[in-house]
Amino acid sequence: MKLTFATLLVLPLALAGSIKSVIITFPKGTPASVVTQAKSSLVASGGVITHEYHLINGFAAEAPVSALQTLSTQDTQYKPNIEEDQVVSAYGDYVAAV
């Protein structure tokens, strides 16, 4: 199978669309073992933990969408809240300086 230069350029773009940067939090009272299992599951699925929070039960990660979908259905008692990581501003929408 021959790969053309154009194919090699498009491949990373196609793969990049399937990775999301997210913040995952768990309800108060969630056992540490549930959070640890969620982190292990994401890493095993090709995700990366980018930050661990200590004041709340949660962490930030970059993970494939399929791994996030699986995580959202793993535990019904301690259901994770999965939010896309994004810039937050106290004065409304973020506008980059030009």
PDB file of N, CA and C in Angstrom:
ATOM      1  N   MET A   1       0.841  -1.187   0.000  1.00  0.00           N
ATOM      2  CA  MET A   1       0.000   0.000   0.000  1.00  0.00           C
ATOM      3  C   MET A   1       0.881   1.243   0.000  1.00  0.00           C
ATOM      4  N   LYS A   2       0.647   2.108  -0.955  1.00  0.00           N
ATOM      5  CA  LYS A   2       1.436   3.326  -1.043  1.00  0.00           C
ATOM      6  C   LYS A   2       0.705   4.471  -0.356  1.00  0.00           C
ATOM      7  N   LEU A   3       1.445   5.194   0.459  1.00  0.00           N
ATOM      8  CA  LEU A   3       0.885   6.382   1.091  1.00  0.00           C
ATOM      9  C   LEU A   3       1.443   7.611   0.395  1.00  0.00           C
ATOM     10  N   THR A   4       0.566   8.469  -0.029  1.00  0.00           N
ATOM     11  CA  THR A   4       1.015   9.692  -0.675  1.00  0.00           C
ATOM     12  C   THR A   4       1.299  10.744   0.377  1.00  0.00           C
ATOM     13  N   PHE A   5       2.006  11.768  -0.023  1.00  0.00           N
ATOM     14  CA  PHE A   5       2.334  12.863   0.873  1.00  0.00           C
ATOM     15  C   PHE A   5       1.057  13.520   1.396  1.00  0.00           C
ATOM     16  N   ALA A   6       0.049  13.681   0.544  1.00  0.00           N
ATOM     17  CA  ALA A   6      -1.217  14.303   0.944  1.00  0.00           C
ATOM     18  C   ALA A   6      -1.916  13.459   2.010  1.00  0.00           C
ATOM     19  N   THR A   7      -1.858  12.143   1.866  1.00  0.00           N
ATOM     20  CA  THR A   7      -2.468  11.258   2.854  1.00  0.00           C
ATOM     21  C   THR A   7      -1.800  11.426   4.210  1.00  0.00           C
ATOM     22  N   LEU A   8      -0.488  11.536   4.206  1.00  0.00           N
ATOM     23  CA  LEU A   8       0.235  11.719   5.462  1.00  0.00           C
ATOM     24  C   LEU A   8      -0.098  13.047   6.124  1.00  0.00           C
ATOM     25  N   LEU A   9      -0.418  14.055   5.337  1.00  0.00           N
ATOM     26  CA  LEU A   9      -0.802  15.351   5.898  1.00  0.00           C
ATOM     27  C   LEU A   9      -2.211  15.326   6.476  1.00  0.00           C
ATOM     28  N   VAL A  10      -3.110  14.586   5.865  1.00  0.00           N
ATOM     29  CA  VAL A  10      -4.507  14.545   6.286  1.00  0.00           C
ATOM     30  C   VAL A  10      -4.712  13.615   7.478  1.00  0.00           C
ATOM     31  N   LEU A  11      -3.938  12.581   7.604  1.00  0.00           N
ATOM     32  CA  LEU A  11      -4.112  11.598   8.663  1.00  0.00           C
ATOM     33  C   LEU A  11      -4.104  12.210  10.065  1.00  0.00           C
ATOM     34  N   PRO A  12      -3.126  13.046  10.429  1.00  0.00           N
ATOM     35  CA  PRO A  12      -3.167  13.639  11.766  1.00  0.00           C
ATOM     36  C   PRO A  12      -4.396  14.508  11.994  1.00  0.00           C
ATOM     37  N   LEU A  13      -4.877  15.176  10.952  1.00  0.00           N
ATOM     38  CA  LEU A  13      -6.081  15.998  11.097  1.00  0.00           C
ATOM     39  C   LEU A  13      -7.304  15.132  11.367  1.00  0.00           C
ATOM     40  N   ALA A  14      -7.385  13.992  10.727  1.00  0.00           N
ATOM     41  CA  ALA A  14      -8.509  13.086  10.941  1.00  0.00           C
ATOM     42  C   ALA A  14      -8.475  12.510  12.349  1.00  0.00           C
ATOM     43  N   LEU A  15      -7.287  12.157  12.808  1.00  0.00           N
ATOM     44  CA  LEU A  15      -7.162  11.597  14.153  1.00  0.00           C
ATOM     45  C   LEU A  15      -7.383  12.648  15.222  1.00  0.00           C
ATOM     46  N   ALA A  16      -7.010  13.888  14.968  1.00  0.00           N
ATOM     47  CA  ALA A  16      -7.149  14.954  15.959  1.00  0.00           C
ATOM     48  C   ALA A  16      -8.607  15.226  16.287  1.00  0.00           C
ATOM     49  N   GLY A  17      -9.502  15.010  15.353  1.00  0.00           N
ATOM     50  CA  GLY A  17     -10.923  15.256  15.585  1.00  0.00           C
ATOM     51  C   GLY A  17     -11.532  14.311  16.592  1.00  0.00           C
ATOM     52  N   SER A  18     -10.902  13.190  16.858  1.00  0.00           N
ATOM     53  CA  SER A  18     -11.481  12.210  17.762  1.00  0.00           C
ATOM     54  C   SER A  18     -10.987  12.362  19.201  1.00  0.00           C
ATOM     55  N   ILE A  19     -10.104  13.324  19.452  1.00  0.00           N
ATOM     56  CA  ILE A  19      -9.577  13.572  20.802  1.00  0.00           C
ATOM     57  C   ILE A  19     -10.213  14.845  21.351  1.00  0.00           C
ATOM     58  N   LYS A  20     -10.679  14.783  22.607  1.00  0.00           N
ATOM     59  CA  LYS A  20     -11.269  15.963  23.240  1.00  0.00           C
ATOM     60  C   LYS A  20     -10.524  16.282  24.525  1.00  0.00           C
ATOM     61  N   SER A  21     -10.429  17.557  24.806  1.00  0.00           N
ATOM     62  CA  SER A  21      -9.867  18.031  26.064  1.00  0.00           C
ATOM     63  C   SER A  21     -11.048  18.289  27.003  1.00  0.00           C
ATOM     64  N   VAL A  22     -11.070  17.585  28.132  1.00  0.00           N
ATOM     65  CA  VAL A  22     -12.233  17.625  29.021  1.00  0.00           C
ATOM     66  C   VAL A  22     -11.837  17.783  30.486  1.00  0.00           C
ATOM     67  N   ILE A  23     -12.814  18.184  31.275  1.00  0.00           N
ATOM     68  CA  ILE A  23     -12.702  18.179  32.729  1.00  0.00           C
ATOM     69  C   ILE A  23     -13.767  17.216  33.229  1.00  0.00           C
ATOM     70  N   ILE A  24     -13.339  16.253  34.033  1.00  0.00           N
ATOM     71  CA  ILE A  24     -14.243  15.225  34.540  1.00  0.00           C
ATOM     72  C   ILE A  24     -14.323  15.368  36.051  1.00  0.00           C
ATOM     73  N   THR A  25     -15.532  15.561  36.560  1.00  0.00           N
ATOM     74  CA  THR A  25     -15.737  15.665  38.002  1.00  0.00           C
ATOM     75  C   THR A  25     -16.750  14.613  38.442  1.00  0.00           C
ATOM     76  N   PHE A  26     -16.687  14.272  39.716  1.00  0.00           N
ATOM     77  CA  PHE A  26     -17.565  13.270  40.292  1.00  0.00           C
ATOM     78  C   PHE A  26     -18.341  13.881  41.454  1.00  0.00           C
ATOM     79  N   PRO A  27     -19.520  13.332  41.774  1.00  0.00           N
ATOM     80  CA  PRO A  27     -20.314  13.875  42.882  1.00  0.00           C
ATOM     81  C   PRO A  27     -19.569  13.779  44.215  1.00  0.00           C
ATOM     82  N   LYS A  28     -19.928  14.673  45.126  1.00  0.00           N
ATOM     83  CA  LYS A  28     -19.353  14.653  46.467  1.00  0.00           C
ATOM     84  C   LYS A  28     -19.637  13.287  47.095  1.00  0.00           C
ATOM     85  N   GLY A  29     -18.633  12.743  47.744  1.00  0.00           N
ATOM     86  CA  GLY A  29     -18.779  11.440  48.382  1.00  0.00           C
ATOM     87  C   GLY A  29     -18.373  10.266  47.512  1.00  0.00           C
ATOM     88  N   THR A  30     -17.933  10.540  46.291  1.00  0.00           N
ATOM     89  CA  THR A  30     -17.476   9.462  45.404  1.00  0.00           C
ATOM     90  C   THR A  30     -16.182   8.880  45.970  1.00  0.00           C
ATOM     91  N   PRO A  31     -16.106   7.554  46.130  1.00  0.00           N
ATOM     92  CA  PRO A  31     -14.869   6.943  46.638  1.00  0.00           C
ATOM     93  C   PRO A  31     -13.680   7.194  45.704  1.00  0.00           C
ATOM     94  N   ALA A  32     -12.513   7.325  46.283  1.00  0.00           N
ATOM     95  CA  ALA A  32     -11.291   7.547  45.502  1.00  0.00           C
ATOM     96  C   ALA A  32     -11.059   6.413  44.503  1.00  0.00           C
ATOM     97  N   SER A  33     -11.490   5.209  44.852  1.00  0.00           N
ATOM     98  CA  SER A  33     -11.287   4.064  43.956  1.00  0.00           C
ATOM     99  C   SER A  33     -12.050   4.236  42.641  1.00  0.00           C
ATOM    100  N   VAL A  34     -13.209   4.889  42.680  1.00  0.00           N
ATOM    101  CA  VAL A  34     -13.992   5.127  41.458  1.00  0.00           C
ATOM    102  C   VAL A  34     -13.259   6.111  40.554  1.00  0.00           C
ATOM    103  N   VAL A  35     -12.691   7.171  41.145  1.00  0.00           N
ATOM    104  CA  VAL A  35     -11.942   8.162  40.374  1.00  0.00           C
ATOM    105  C   VAL A  35     -10.684   7.518  39.788  1.00  0.00           C
ATOM    106  N   THR A  36      -9.991   6.726  40.581  1.00  0.00           N
ATOM    107  CA  THR A  36      -8.782   6.037  40.117  1.00  0.00           C
ATOM    108  C   THR A  36      -9.099   5.086  38.968  1.00  0.00           C
ATOM    109  N   GLN A  37     -10.205   4.374  39.080  1.00  0.00           N
ATOM    110  CA  GLN A  37     -10.602   3.451  38.020  1.00  0.00           C
ATOM    111  C   GLN A  37     -10.928   4.221  36.737  1.00  0.00           C
ATOM    112  N   ALA A  38     -11.571   5.374  36.860  1.00  0.00           N
ATOM    113  CA  ALA A  38     -11.894   6.187  35.686  1.00  0.00           C
ATOM    114  C   ALA A  38     -10.621   6.663  34.997  1.00  0.00           C
ATOM    115  N   LYS A  39      -9.638   7.103  35.788  1.00  0.00           N
ATOM    116  CA  LYS A  39      -8.364   7.550  35.209  1.00  0.00           C
ATOM    117  C   LYS A  39      -7.674   6.395  34.492  1.00  0.00           C
ATOM    118  N   SER A  40      -7.642   5.244  35.126  1.00  0.00           N
ATOM    119  CA  SER A  40      -7.003   4.070  34.516  1.00  0.00           C
ATOM    120  C   SER A  40      -7.687   3.676  33.212  1.00  0.00           C
ATOM    121  N   SER A  41      -8.995   3.750  33.209  1.00  0.00           N
ATOM    122  CA  SER A  41      -9.772   3.403  32.021  1.00  0.00           C
ATOM    123  C   SER A  41      -9.458   4.346  30.863  1.00  0.00           C
ATOM    124  N   LEU A  42      -9.373   5.651  31.157  1.00  0.00           N
ATOM    125  CA  LEU A  42      -9.062   6.617  30.100  1.00  0.00           C
ATOM    126  C   LEU A  42      -7.651   6.430  29.550  1.00  0.00           C
ATOM    127  N   VAL A  43      -6.694   6.214  30.426  1.00  0.00           N
ATOM    128  CA  VAL A  43      -5.306   6.014  29.997  1.00  0.00           C
ATOM    129  C   VAL A  43      -5.199   4.734  29.152  1.00  0.00           C
ATOM    130  N   ALA A  44      -5.887   3.671  29.569  1.00  0.00           N
ATOM    131  CA  ALA A  44      -5.856   2.415  28.815  1.00  0.00           C
ATOM    132  C   ALA A  44      -6.488   2.575  27.429  1.00  0.00           C
ATOM    133  N   SER A  45      -7.389   3.545  27.286  1.00  0.00           N
ATOM    134  CA  SER A  45      -8.056   3.783  26.007  1.00  0.00           C
ATOM    135  C   SER A  45      -7.333   4.805  25.140  1.00  0.00           C
ATOM    136  N   GLY A  46      -6.129   5.205  25.563  1.00  0.00           N
ATOM    137  CA  GLY A  46      -5.347   6.137  24.765  1.00  0.00           C
ATOM    138  C   GLY A  46      -5.425   7.579  25.220  1.00  0.00           C
ATOM    139  N   GLY A  47      -6.056   7.828  26.356  1.00  0.00           N
ATOM    140  CA  GLY A  47      -6.160   9.184  26.883  1.00  0.00           C
ATOM    141  C   GLY A  47      -4.956   9.556  27.733  1.00  0.00           C
ATOM    142  N   VAL A  48      -4.877  10.847  28.069  1.00  0.00           N
ATOM    143  CA  VAL A  48      -3.793  11.367  28.897  1.00  0.00           C
ATOM    144  C   VAL A  48      -4.412  12.234  29.997  1.00  0.00           C
ATOM    145  N   ILE A  49      -4.033  11.979  31.247  1.00  0.00           N
ATOM    146  CA  ILE A  49      -4.471  12.820  32.354  1.00  0.00           C
ATOM    147  C   ILE A  49      -3.576  14.050  32.353  1.00  0.00           C
ATOM    148  N   THR A  50      -4.173  15.235  32.208  1.00  0.00           N
ATOM    149  CA  THR A  50      -3.380  16.456  32.122  1.00  0.00           C
ATOM    150  C   THR A  50      -3.310  17.212  33.443  1.00  0.00           C
ATOM    151  N   HIS A  51      -4.255  16.962  34.348  1.00  0.00           N
ATOM    152  CA  HIS A  51      -4.236  17.620  35.661  1.00  0.00           C
ATOM    153  C   HIS A  51      -5.121  16.842  36.621  1.00  0.00           C
ATOM    154  N   GLU A  52      -4.676  16.706  37.859  1.00  0.00           N
ATOM    155  CA  GLU A  52      -5.482  16.073  38.902  1.00  0.00           C
ATOM    156  C   GLU A  52      -5.881  17.134  39.910  1.00  0.00           C
ATOM    157  N   TYR A  53      -7.170  17.192  40.226  1.00  0.00           N
ATOM    158  CA  TYR A  53      -7.665  18.166  41.198  1.00  0.00           C
ATOM    159  C   TYR A  53      -7.692  17.540  42.585  1.00  0.00           C
ATOM    160  N   HIS A  54      -7.381  18.345  43.596  1.00  0.00           N
ATOM    161  CA  HIS A  54      -7.346  17.825  44.957  1.00  0.00           C
ATOM    162  C   HIS A  54      -8.466  18.380  45.826  1.00  0.00           C
ATOM    163  N   LEU A  55      -9.035  19.522  45.471  1.00  0.00           N
ATOM    164  CA  LEU A  55     -10.134  20.089  46.248  1.00  0.00           C
ATOM    165  C   LEU A  55     -11.480  19.505  45.840  1.00  0.00           C
ATOM    166  N   ILE A  56     -11.554  18.983  44.634  1.00  0.00           N
ATOM    167  CA  ILE A  56     -12.771  18.344  44.142  1.00  0.00           C
ATOM    168  C   ILE A  56     -12.402  16.960  43.615  1.00  0.00           C
ATOM    169  N   ASN A  57     -13.382  16.085  43.524  1.00  0.00           N
ATOM    170  CA  ASN A  57     -13.154  14.758  42.949  1.00  0.00           C
ATOM    171  C   ASN A  57     -13.161  14.895  41.436  1.00  0.00           C
ATOM    172  N   GLY A  58     -11.986  14.975  40.849  1.00  0.00           N
ATOM    173  CA  GLY A  58     -11.963  15.087  39.405  1.00  0.00           C
ATOM    174  C   GLY A  58     -10.576  15.272  38.846  1.00  0.00           C
ATOM    175  N   PHE A  59     -10.531  15.389  37.519  1.00  0.00           N
ATOM    176  CA  PHE A  59      -9.275  15.548  36.804  1.00  0.00           C
ATOM    177  C   PHE A  59      -9.548  16.094  35.413  1.00  0.00           C
ATOM    178  N   ALA A  60      -8.505  16.617  34.783  1.00  0.00           N
ATOM    179  CA  ALA A  60      -8.580  17.064  33.395  1.00  0.00           C
ATOM    180  C   ALA A  60      -7.869  16.029  32.540  1.00  0.00           C
ATOM    181  N   ALA A  61      -8.353  15.863  31.318  1.00  0.00           N
ATOM    182  CA  ALA A  61      -7.761  14.845  30.443  1.00  0.00           C
ATOM    183  C   ALA A  61      -7.963  15.206  28.988  1.00  0.00           C
ATOM    184  N   GLU A  62      -7.158  14.577  28.153  1.00  0.00           N
ATOM    185  CA  GLU A  62      -7.344  14.576  26.710  1.00  0.00           C
ATOM    186  C   GLU A  62      -7.565  13.118  26.346  1.00  0.00           C
ATOM    187  N   ALA A  63      -8.734  12.826  25.769  1.00  0.00           N
ATOM    188  CA  ALA A  63      -9.078  11.428  25.535  1.00  0.00           C
ATOM    189  C   ALA A  63      -9.925  11.272  24.281  1.00  0.00           C
ATOM    190  N   PRO A  64      -9.892  10.077  23.703  1.00  0.00           N
ATOM    191  CA  PRO A  64     -10.748   9.794  22.552  1.00  0.00           C
ATOM    192  C   PRO A  64     -12.225   9.892  22.956  1.00  0.00           C
ATOM    193  N   VAL A  65     -13.047  10.341  22.036  1.00  0.00           N
ATOM    194  CA  VAL A  65     -14.483  10.483  22.301  1.00  0.00           C
ATOM    195  C   VAL A  65     -15.082   9.149  22.721  1.00  0.00           C
ATOM    196  N   SER A  66     -14.657   8.061  22.108  1.00  0.00           N
ATOM    197  CA  SER A  66     -15.209   6.742  22.454  1.00  0.00           C
ATOM    198  C   SER A  66     -14.909   6.374  23.909  1.00  0.00           C
ATOM    199  N   ALA A  67     -13.728   6.738  24.400  1.00  0.00           N
ATOM    200  CA  ALA A  67     -13.384   6.457  25.797  1.00  0.00           C
ATOM    201  C   ALA A  67     -14.249   7.286  26.749  1.00  0.00           C
ATOM    202  N   LEU A  68     -14.548   8.515  26.360  1.00  0.00           N
ATOM    203  CA  LEU A  68     -15.405   9.375  27.188  1.00  0.00           C
ATOM    204  C   LEU A  68     -16.834   8.842  27.228  1.00  0.00           C
ATOM    205  N   GLN A  69     -17.307   8.330  26.107  1.00  0.00           N
ATOM    206  CA  GLN A  69     -18.644   7.740  26.070  1.00  0.00           C
ATOM    207  C   GLN A  69     -18.713   6.512  26.970  1.00  0.00           C
ATOM    208  N   THR A  70     -17.677   5.688  26.941  1.00  0.00           N
ATOM    209  CA  THR A  70     -17.631   4.509  27.794  1.00  0.00           C
ATOM    210  C   THR A  70     -17.599   4.915  29.259  1.00  0.00           C
ATOM    211  N   LEU A  71     -16.779   5.911  29.588  1.00  0.00           N
ATOM    212  CA  LEU A  71     -16.671   6.378  30.972  1.00  0.00           C
ATOM    213  C   LEU A  71     -18.002   6.900  31.494  1.00  0.00           C
ATOM    214  N   SER A  72     -18.762   7.577  30.639  1.00  0.00           N
ATOM    215  CA  SER A  72     -20.025   8.155  31.081  1.00  0.00           C
ATOM    216  C   SER A  72     -21.066   7.105  31.444  1.00  0.00           C
ATOM    217  N   THR A  73     -20.873   5.867  30.997  1.00  0.00           N
ATOM    218  CA  THR A  73     -21.837   4.810  31.294  1.00  0.00           C
ATOM    219  C   THR A  73     -21.297   3.740  32.237  1.00  0.00           C
ATOM    220  N   GLN A  74     -20.060   3.897  32.734  1.00  0.00           N
ATOM    221  CA  GLN A  74     -19.446   2.855  33.563  1.00  0.00           C
ATOM    222  C   GLN A  74     -20.103   2.700  34.931  1.00  0.00           C
ATOM    223  N   ASP A  75     -20.396   3.799  35.601  1.00  0.00           N
ATOM    224  CA  ASP A  75     -20.889   3.726  36.973  1.00  0.00           C
ATOM    225  C   ASP A  75     -22.168   4.531  37.098  1.00  0.00           C
ATOM    226  N   THR A  76     -23.257   3.888  37.496  1.00  0.00           N
ATOM    227  CA  THR A  76     -24.529   4.595  37.609  1.00  0.00           C
ATOM    228  C   THR A  76     -24.689   5.294  38.961  1.00  0.00           C
ATOM    229  N   GLN A  77     -24.027   4.795  39.990  1.00  0.00           N
ATOM    230  CA  GLN A  77     -24.149   5.407  41.314  1.00  0.00           C
ATOM    231  C   GLN A  77     -23.323   6.690  41.421  1.00  0.00           C
ATOM    232  N   TYR A  78     -22.120   6.704  40.850  1.00  0.00           N
ATOM    233  CA  TYR A  78     -21.244   7.871  40.901  1.00  0.00           C
ATOM    234  C   TYR A  78     -20.975   8.331  39.465  1.00  0.00           C
ATOM    235  N   LYS A  79     -22.013   8.844  38.819  1.00  0.00           N
ATOM    236  CA  LYS A  79     -21.929   9.232  37.408  1.00  0.00           C
ATOM    237  C   LYS A  79     -21.030  10.460  37.250  1.00  0.00           C
ATOM    238  N   PRO A  80     -20.032  10.381  36.379  1.00  0.00           N
ATOM    239  CA  PRO A  80     -19.135  11.522  36.169  1.00  0.00           C
ATOM    240  C   PRO A  80     -19.805  12.623  35.355  1.00  0.00           C
ATOM    241  N   ASN A  81     -19.408  13.841  35.647  1.00  0.00           N
ATOM    242  CA  ASN A  81     -19.822  14.991  34.848  1.00  0.00           C
ATOM    243  C   ASN A  81     -18.655  15.307  33.914  1.00  0.00           C
ATOM    244  N   ILE A  82     -18.862  15.181  32.621  1.00  0.00           N
ATOM    245  CA  ILE A  82     -17.803  15.379  31.631  1.00  0.00           C
ATOM    246  C   ILE A  82     -18.106  16.653  30.856  1.00  0.00           C
ATOM    247  N   GLU A  83     -17.212  17.643  30.985  1.00  0.00           N
ATOM    248  CA  GLU A  83     -17.382  18.921  30.305  1.00  0.00           C
ATOM    249  C   GLU A  83     -16.174  19.197  29.422  1.00  0.00           C
ATOM    250  N   GLU A  84     -16.427  19.798  28.279  1.00  0.00           N
ATOM    251  CA  GLU A  84     -15.321  20.172  27.394  1.00  0.00           C
ATOM    252  C   GLU A  84     -14.518  21.280  28.074  1.00  0.00           C
ATOM    253  N   ASP A  85     -13.201  21.135  28.087  1.00  0.00           N
ATOM    254  CA  ASP A  85     -12.320  22.142  28.678  1.00  0.00           C
ATOM    255  C   ASP A  85     -12.286  23.340  27.746  1.00  0.00           C
ATOM    256  N   GLN A  86     -12.515  24.519  28.296  1.00  0.00           N
ATOM    257  CA  GLN A  86     -12.513  25.723  27.478  1.00  0.00           C
ATOM    258  C   GLN A  86     -12.124  26.934  28.313  1.00  0.00           C
ATOM    259  N   VAL A  87     -11.805  28.011  27.644  1.00  0.00           N
ATOM    260  CA  VAL A  87     -11.408  29.247  28.302  1.00  0.00           C
ATOM    261  C   VAL A  87     -12.638  29.895  28.932  1.00  0.00           C
ATOM    262  N   VAL A  88     -12.510  30.336  30.186  1.00  0.00           N
ATOM    263  CA  VAL A  88     -13.591  31.009  30.889  1.00  0.00           C
ATOM    264  C   VAL A  88     -13.118  32.404  31.265  1.00  0.00           C
ATOM    265  N   SER A  89     -13.994  33.373  31.106  1.00  0.00           N
ATOM    266  CA  SER A  89     -13.653  34.753  31.421  1.00  0.00           C
ATOM    267  C   SER A  89     -14.695  35.335  32.362  1.00  0.00           C
ATOM    268  N   ALA A  90     -14.269  36.191  33.271  1.00  0.00           N
ATOM    269  CA  ALA A  90     -15.189  36.837  34.195  1.00  0.00           C
ATOM    270  C   ALA A  90     -15.990  37.942  33.508  1.00  0.00           C
ATOM    271  N   TYR A  91     -15.564  38.365  32.327  1.00  0.00           N
ATOM    272  CA  TYR A  91     -16.203  39.483  31.631  1.00  0.00           C
ATOM    273  C   TYR A  91     -16.900  39.057  30.349  1.00  0.00           C
ATOM    274  N   GLY A  92     -17.375  37.866  30.271  1.00  0.00           N
ATOM    275  CA  GLY A  92     -18.079  37.408  29.075  1.00  0.00           C
ATOM    276  C   GLY A  92     -17.209  36.519  28.211  1.00  0.00           C
ATOM    277  N   ASP A  93     -17.525  36.469  26.943  1.00  0.00           N
ATOM    278  CA  ASP A  93     -16.799  35.617  26.006  1.00  0.00           C
ATOM    279  C   ASP A  93     -15.349  36.052  25.862  1.00  0.00           C
ATOM    280  N   TYR A  94     -14.497  35.073  25.738  1.00  0.00           N
ATOM    281  CA  TYR A  94     -13.071  35.324  25.552  1.00  0.00           C
ATOM    282  C   TYR A  94     -12.814  35.777  24.124  1.00  0.00           C
ATOM    283  N   VAL A  95     -12.076  36.863  23.990  1.00  0.00           N
ATOM    284  CA  VAL A  95     -11.685  37.348  22.671  1.00  0.00           C
ATOM    285  C   VAL A  95     -10.166  37.488  22.689  1.00  0.00           C
ATOM    286  N   ALA A  96      -9.516  36.802  21.791  1.00  0.00           N
ATOM    287  CA  ALA A  96      -8.052  36.836  21.737  1.00  0.00           C
ATOM    288  C   ALA A  96      -7.577  38.221  21.321  1.00  0.00           C
ATOM    289  N   ALA A  97      -6.484  38.649  21.931  1.00  0.00           N
ATOM    290  CA  ALA A  97      -5.886  39.936  21.572  1.00  0.00           C
ATOM    291  C   ALA A  97      -5.289  39.852  20.174  1.00  0.00           C
ATOM    292  N   VAL A  98      -5.479  40.871  19.410  1.00  0.00           N
ATOM    293  CA  VAL A  98      -4.978  40.874  18.026  1.00  0.00           C
ATOM    294  C   VAL A  98      -3.701  41.648  17.933  1.00  0.00           C
TER     295      VAL A  98
END
